[in-house]
Amino acid sequence: MFVEIDAEAFAERTRLELAETVELTERESRIARRARDGRSNAEIGAELSLSAPPVEWHPRKVFTKLRISSRQELRTVLP
């Protein structure tokens, strides 16, 4: 909502507070942090010994939990 009304400072604060309250599973967290750091799905899968489907599925779950829509936003909400 804050983004839609161009209140970016409030949007940023809301993202940070949301990230602090959302519980990610261990696997979601490991995949999300690698995605945040710029690794591709193939690289993440190789590092964690996972096939493509889980690597593709978990970020979508993380995006939903964190109410974000892109890997770029992971840099903002994950420390």
Protein backbone atom coordinates (compact mmCIF):
# COMPACT_ATOMS: atom_id res chain seq x y z
CA MET A 1 0.00 0.00 0.00
CA PHE A 2 2.80 2.44 0.88
CA VAL A 3 4.55 1.77 -2.43
CA GLU A 4 1.35 2.50 -4.31
CA ILE A 5 1.08 5.95 -2.70
CA ASP A 6 4.82 6.67 -3.11
CA ALA A 7 5.55 6.57 0.62
CA GLU A 8 8.80 4.67 0.15
CA ALA A 9 10.19 5.37 3.62
CA PHE A 10 7.13 3.80 5.22
CA ALA A 11 7.25 0.92 2.73
CA GLU A 12 10.87 0.23 3.65
CA ARG A 13 10.14 0.27 7.37
CA THR A 14 7.20 -2.06 6.85
CA ARG A 15 9.36 -4.47 4.83
CA LEU A 16 11.96 -4.60 7.58
CA GLU A 17 9.41 -5.13 10.33
CA LEU A 18 7.67 -7.82 8.32
CA ALA A 19 10.94 -9.64 7.74
CA GLU A 20 11.58 -9.69 11.48
CA THR A 21 8.22 -11.27 12.25
CA VAL A 22 7.98 -13.84 9.45
CA GLU A 23 9.19 -17.34 10.20
CA LEU A 24 11.00 -18.98 7.31
CA THR A 25 11.82 -22.65 7.39
CA GLU A 26 15.51 -23.54 7.46
CA ARG A 27 15.42 -24.61 3.80
CA GLU A 28 13.53 -21.48 2.75
CA SER A 29 16.06 -19.34 4.58
CA ARG A 30 19.08 -21.08 3.01
CA ILE A 31 17.63 -20.80 -0.49
CA ALA A 32 16.44 -17.21 -0.01
CA ARG A 33 19.82 -16.00 1.27
CA ARG A 34 21.60 -17.54 -1.70
CA ALA A 35 19.07 -15.97 -4.07
CA ARG A 36 19.57 -12.64 -2.27
CA ASP A 37 23.30 -12.96 -2.88
CA GLY A 38 22.72 -13.30 -6.63
CA ARG A 39 23.09 -17.03 -7.16
CA SER A 40 21.04 -18.62 -9.94
CA ASN A 41 18.61 -21.47 -9.29
CA ALA A 42 21.12 -23.90 -10.82
CA GLU A 43 23.88 -22.63 -8.52
CA ILE A 44 21.64 -22.86 -5.47
CA GLY A 45 20.60 -26.39 -6.39
CA ALA A 46 24.20 -27.46 -6.85
CA GLU A 47 25.32 -25.93 -3.54
CA LEU A 48 22.48 -27.50 -1.56
CA SER A 49 22.21 -30.75 -3.53
CA LEU A 50 18.63 -30.00 -4.56
CA SER A 51 16.83 -30.56 -7.82
CA ALA A 52 15.27 -27.67 -9.73
CA PRO A 53 11.67 -27.96 -8.45
CA PRO A 54 12.42 -27.24 -4.76
CA VAL A 55 14.79 -24.42 -5.67
CA GLU A 56 12.08 -22.84 -7.83
CA TRP A 57 9.26 -23.50 -5.34
CA HIS A 58 10.81 -22.18 -2.12
CA PRO A 59 11.54 -18.63 -3.30
CA ARG A 60 7.91 -18.27 -4.36
CA LYS A 61 6.84 -19.31 -0.85
CA VAL A 62 9.36 -16.87 0.65
CA PHE A 63 8.11 -14.05 -1.59
CA THR A 64 4.56 -14.73 -0.42
CA LYS A 65 5.55 -14.83 3.25
CA LEU A 66 7.60 -11.64 2.97
CA ARG A 67 5.07 -9.96 0.66
CA ILE A 68 7.67 -9.19 -1.96
CA SER A 69 7.76 -9.97 -5.67
CA SER A 70 11.40 -10.13 -6.73
CA ARG A 71 14.86 -11.31 -5.79
CA GLN A 72 15.97 -7.68 -5.69
CA GLU A 73 13.65 -7.08 -2.76
CA LEU A 74 15.31 -9.92 -0.83
CA ARG A 75 18.29 -7.61 -0.33
CA THR A 76 16.02 -5.20 1.48
CA VAL A 77 14.20 -7.64 3.73
CA LEU A 78 16.87 -10.22 4.55
CA PRO A 79 19.84 -9.09 6.63
